[in-house]
Structure formats: C-alpha cells, structure tokens
Amino acid sequence: MAIGRSTSFWPTTGTITRSRTHQHYTYVQRNALKVWEHRTDFKEELLADPDVTAALSAEEIEEKFDLGYHTKHVDTIFARVFGED
C-alpha cells in the first residue's frame, strides 16, 4: 500500500498527538500563505520546505497531487446523480 492513500495528508505509524497534527497544519498553512501572497505553486512550496520534506518524501508529496486518485469515482458519482444514459 502506498503512503498517501489515506485520508490524512501525513503518513502515520500510530496515534497522532494533537501537537503533531497542529505542527503539520502549521506547515501547510505557512505554505498556503506564501502561495496566496506571492502567487506561487503550492506543490513547489511544499517540496522546497525542509520541514515538509523531513516528514514526506518528494514522491509522497507528488502522490498528494495526483488528480486521477481524487477523481477516480467521478463517472460513478455522475451516473448516480444524473442516471445512466
């Protein structure tokens, strides 16, 4: 099983403490703010952040941005909502 296919952005090896989760949230928010203020690319900011890359490999970060994974059930959802043709 590939890391990154869970509901969490961060891979875990057990129970996540509240402080660890808060720290990861801080990393994401810090980079999101850079994107907002400087119109940069979010994935590139994450890949350049040493705190993020200490927790996730470049491959794991890339997996989070795989649109195919996030849209794999679109046809099924549309069929349920709009009916089969």
N, C-alpha and C. Protein backbone atom coordinates (compact mmCIF):
# COMPACT_ATOMS: atom_id res chain seq x y z
N MET A 1 0.85 -1.19 0.00
CA MET A 1 0.00 0.00 0.00
C MET A 1 0.88 1.24 0.00
N ALA A 2 0.58 2.17 -0.85
CA ALA A 2 1.37 3.40 -0.95
C ALA A 2 0.96 4.37 0.14
N ILE A 3 1.95 5.00 0.72
CA ILE A 3 1.65 6.05 1.68
C ILE A 3 1.03 7.19 0.91
N GLY A 4 0.09 7.87 1.49
CA GLY A 4 -0.55 8.97 0.81
C GLY A 4 -1.93 8.62 0.31
N ARG A 5 -2.32 7.39 0.45
CA ARG A 5 -3.65 6.98 0.01
C ARG A 5 -4.59 6.87 1.21
N SER A 6 -4.26 7.57 2.26
CA SER A 6 -5.13 7.59 3.42
C SER A 6 -5.89 8.91 3.43
N THR A 7 -6.72 9.13 4.41
CA THR A 7 -7.47 10.36 4.49
C THR A 7 -6.62 11.51 5.01
N SER A 8 -5.46 11.22 5.53
CA SER A 8 -4.58 12.23 6.08
C SER A 8 -3.53 12.65 5.07
N PHE A 9 -3.13 13.91 5.14
CA PHE A 9 -2.04 14.38 4.28
C PHE A 9 -0.73 13.76 4.73
N TRP A 10 -0.60 13.49 6.00
CA TRP A 10 0.64 12.99 6.58
C TRP A 10 0.52 11.50 6.89
N PRO A 11 1.55 10.73 6.54
CA PRO A 11 1.54 9.31 6.90
C PRO A 11 1.70 9.16 8.41
N THR A 12 1.10 8.12 8.93
CA THR A 12 1.21 7.89 10.37
C THR A 12 1.65 6.48 10.65
N THR A 13 2.24 6.31 11.80
CA THR A 13 2.64 4.97 12.23
C THR A 13 1.92 4.61 13.52
N GLY A 14 0.89 5.32 13.83
CA GLY A 14 0.16 5.06 15.06
C GLY A 14 -0.70 6.27 15.38
N THR A 15 -0.93 6.48 16.65
CA THR A 15 -1.75 7.59 17.08
C THR A 15 -1.02 8.91 16.87
N ILE A 16 -1.70 9.84 16.27
CA ILE A 16 -1.13 11.18 16.10
C ILE A 16 -1.51 12.01 17.31
N THR A 17 -0.51 12.65 17.89
CA THR A 17 -0.82 13.53 19.00
C THR A 17 -1.36 14.84 18.46
N ARG A 18 -2.10 15.53 19.28
CA ARG A 18 -2.68 16.80 18.88
C ARG A 18 -1.59 17.80 18.50
N SER A 19 -0.48 17.81 19.21
CA SER A 19 0.58 18.78 18.89
C SER A 19 1.24 18.47 17.55
N ARG A 20 1.40 17.20 17.22
CA ARG A 20 1.99 16.82 15.93
C ARG A 20 1.05 17.21 14.79
N THR A 21 -0.22 16.95 14.96
CA THR A 21 -1.19 17.34 13.95
C THR A 21 -1.20 18.85 13.77
N HIS A 22 -1.13 19.59 14.88
CA HIS A 22 -1.09 21.05 14.80
C HIS A 22 0.16 21.52 14.07
N GLN A 23 1.29 20.87 14.30
CA GLN A 23 2.53 21.25 13.64
C GLN A 23 2.41 21.05 12.13
N HIS A 24 1.84 19.93 11.72
CA HIS A 24 1.67 19.66 10.29
C HIS A 24 0.71 20.68 9.67
N TYR A 25 -0.33 21.01 10.39
CA TYR A 25 -1.27 22.04 9.94
C TYR A 25 -0.53 23.36 9.73
N THR A 26 0.37 23.68 10.64
CA THR A 26 1.16 24.91 10.55
C THR A 26 2.01 24.91 9.28
N TYR A 27 2.63 23.77 8.95
CA TYR A 27 3.43 23.68 7.73
C TYR A 27 2.58 23.97 6.49
N VAL A 28 1.42 23.37 6.45
CA VAL A 28 0.54 23.54 5.29
C VAL A 28 0.07 24.99 5.20
N GLN A 29 -0.36 25.55 6.31
CA GLN A 29 -0.85 26.92 6.31
C GLN A 29 0.24 27.92 5.95
N ARG A 30 1.44 27.69 6.44
CA ARG A 30 2.57 28.57 6.13
C ARG A 30 2.81 28.61 4.62
N ASN A 31 2.76 27.44 3.99
CA ASN A 31 2.99 27.38 2.54
C ASN A 31 1.79 27.90 1.76
N ALA A 32 0.60 27.68 2.25
CA ALA A 32 -0.60 28.21 1.60
C ALA A 32 -0.57 29.74 1.61
N LEU A 33 -0.09 30.33 2.68
CA LEU A 33 0.01 31.78 2.77
C LEU A 33 1.01 32.32 1.75
N LYS A 34 2.14 31.63 1.57
CA LYS A 34 3.11 32.04 0.54
C LYS A 34 2.46 32.04 -0.83
N VAL A 35 1.68 31.01 -1.11
CA VAL A 35 1.00 30.90 -2.40
C VAL A 35 0.03 32.05 -2.58
N TRP A 36 -0.72 32.34 -1.55
CA TRP A 36 -1.71 33.42 -1.60
C TRP A 36 -1.04 34.77 -1.82
N GLU A 37 0.03 35.03 -1.08
CA GLU A 37 0.68 36.35 -1.14
C GLU A 37 1.55 36.54 -2.38
N HIS A 38 2.20 35.47 -2.85
CA HIS A 38 3.18 35.61 -3.92
C HIS A 38 2.78 34.90 -5.22
N ARG A 39 1.57 34.29 -5.22
CA ARG A 39 1.06 33.59 -6.41
C ARG A 39 2.05 32.54 -6.91
N THR A 40 2.57 31.78 -5.97
CA THR A 40 3.49 30.70 -6.31
C THR A 40 2.72 29.38 -6.35
N ASP A 41 3.40 28.31 -6.67
CA ASP A 41 2.80 26.99 -6.80
C ASP A 41 2.85 26.26 -5.45
N PHE A 42 1.71 25.79 -4.97
CA PHE A 42 1.64 25.15 -3.66
C PHE A 42 2.53 23.92 -3.56
N LYS A 43 2.46 23.06 -4.56
CA LYS A 43 3.29 21.85 -4.53
C LYS A 43 4.77 22.20 -4.50
N GLU A 44 5.17 23.19 -5.28
CA GLU A 44 6.58 23.60 -5.30
C GLU A 44 7.00 24.17 -3.95
N GLU A 45 6.11 24.90 -3.31
CA GLU A 45 6.42 25.42 -1.97
C GLU A 45 6.61 24.29 -0.97
N LEU A 46 5.73 23.29 -1.04
CA LEU A 46 5.86 22.14 -0.13
C LEU A 46 7.17 21.39 -0.38
N LEU A 47 7.51 21.19 -1.65
CA LEU A 47 8.74 20.48 -2.00
C LEU A 47 9.98 21.24 -1.57
N ALA A 48 9.88 22.56 -1.45
CA ALA A 48 11.02 23.38 -1.04
C ALA A 48 11.10 23.60 0.47
N ASP A 49 10.09 23.18 1.18
CA ASP A 49 10.04 23.40 2.63
C ASP A 49 10.74 22.26 3.36
N PRO A 50 11.84 22.55 4.07
CA PRO A 50 12.58 21.48 4.74
C PRO A 50 11.78 20.77 5.84
N ASP A 51 10.84 21.47 6.47
CA ASP A 51 10.01 20.82 7.48
C ASP A 51 9.09 19.78 6.84
N VAL A 52 8.54 20.12 5.70
CA VAL A 52 7.64 19.20 4.99
C VAL A 52 8.43 18.02 4.45
N THR A 53 9.58 18.29 3.83
CA THR A 53 10.36 17.21 3.24
C THR A 53 11.04 16.34 4.29
N ALA A 54 11.10 16.81 5.52
CA ALA A 54 11.58 15.95 6.60
C ALA A 54 10.52 14.91 6.98
N ALA A 55 9.26 15.25 6.72
CA ALA A 55 8.15 14.36 7.07
C ALA A 55 7.67 13.52 5.89
N LEU A 56 7.78 14.07 4.67
CA LEU A 56 7.31 13.39 3.47
C LEU A 56 8.39 13.44 2.40
N SER A 57 8.53 12.36 1.67
CA SER A 57 9.46 12.36 0.54
C SER A 57 8.83 13.14 -0.62
N ALA A 58 9.65 13.48 -1.59
CA ALA A 58 9.13 14.16 -2.78
C ALA A 58 8.07 13.30 -3.46
N GLU A 59 8.30 12.00 -3.50
CA GLU A 59 7.33 11.09 -4.12
C GLU A 59 6.00 11.11 -3.37
N GLU A 60 6.05 11.14 -2.05
CA GLU A 60 4.82 11.17 -1.26
C GLU A 60 4.07 12.49 -1.47
N ILE A 61 4.81 13.59 -1.60
CA ILE A 61 4.17 14.88 -1.86
C ILE A 61 3.52 14.85 -3.25
N GLU A 62 4.24 14.33 -4.23
CA GLU A 62 3.69 14.22 -5.58
C GLU A 62 2.40 13.41 -5.59
N GLU A 63 2.36 12.32 -4.81
CA GLU A 63 1.15 11.47 -4.74
C GLU A 63 -0.06 12.26 -4.26
N LYS A 64 0.14 13.23 -3.40
CA LYS A 64 -0.98 14.02 -2.87
C LYS A 64 -1.63 14.87 -3.95
N PHE A 65 -0.90 15.13 -5.02
CA PHE A 65 -1.40 15.98 -6.09
C PHE A 65 -1.84 15.18 -7.32
N ASP A 66 -2.03 13.89 -7.15
CA ASP A 66 -2.47 13.02 -8.24
C ASP A 66 -3.97 13.20 -8.44
N LEU A 67 -4.35 13.96 -9.46
CA LEU A 67 -5.77 14.21 -9.72
C LEU A 67 -6.54 12.95 -10.06
N GLY A 68 -5.87 11.99 -10.68
CA GLY A 68 -6.52 10.73 -11.00
C GLY A 68 -7.05 10.02 -9.76
N TYR A 69 -6.29 10.07 -8.70
CA TYR A 69 -6.73 9.45 -7.45
C TYR A 69 -7.98 10.14 -6.92
N HIS A 70 -7.98 11.47 -6.97
CA HIS A 70 -9.08 12.24 -6.38
C HIS A 70 -10.32 12.29 -7.26
N THR A 71 -10.19 11.92 -8.53
CA THR A 71 -11.34 11.97 -9.43
C THR A 71 -11.74 10.60 -9.97
N LYS A 72 -11.19 9.54 -9.40
CA LYS A 72 -11.41 8.20 -9.96
C LYS A 72 -12.86 7.74 -9.93
N HIS A 73 -13.69 8.33 -9.09
CA HIS A 73 -15.08 7.89 -8.99
C HIS A 73 -16.06 8.90 -9.59
N VAL A 74 -15.56 9.85 -10.36
CA VAL A 74 -16.43 10.88 -10.93
C VAL A 74 -17.52 10.27 -11.80
N ASP A 75 -17.17 9.33 -12.66
CA ASP A 75 -18.17 8.72 -13.54
C ASP A 75 -19.26 8.01 -12.75
N THR A 76 -18.87 7.32 -11.71
CA THR A 76 -19.84 6.63 -10.85
C THR A 76 -20.77 7.63 -10.17
N ILE A 77 -20.20 8.69 -9.66
CA ILE A 77 -21.00 9.72 -8.97
C ILE A 77 -21.98 10.37 -9.95
N PHE A 78 -21.49 10.73 -11.13
CA PHE A 78 -22.37 11.35 -12.13
C PHE A 78 -23.50 10.39 -12.52
N ALA A 79 -23.17 9.12 -12.68
CA ALA A 79 -24.20 8.14 -13.03
C ALA A 79 -25.25 8.04 -11.94
N ARG A 80 -24.86 8.10 -10.70
CA ARG A 80 -25.82 8.02 -9.60
C ARG A 80 -26.68 9.28 -9.53
N VAL A 81 -26.07 10.44 -9.78
CA VAL A 81 -26.79 11.69 -9.66
C VAL A 81 -27.70 11.92 -10.86
N PHE A 82 -27.17 11.68 -12.06
CA PHE A 82 -27.89 12.03 -13.27
C PHE A 82 -28.51 10.83 -13.97
N GLY A 83 -28.23 9.64 -13.47
CA GLY A 83 -28.77 8.43 -14.09
C GLY A 83 -27.90 7.94 -15.24
N GLU A 84 -28.05 6.68 -15.54
CA GLU A 84 -27.30 6.07 -16.63
C GLU A 84 -27.89 6.52 -17.97
N ASP A 85 -27.07 6.65 -18.98
CA ASP A 85 -27.56 7.02 -20.32
C ASP A 85 -28.10 5.82 -21.05
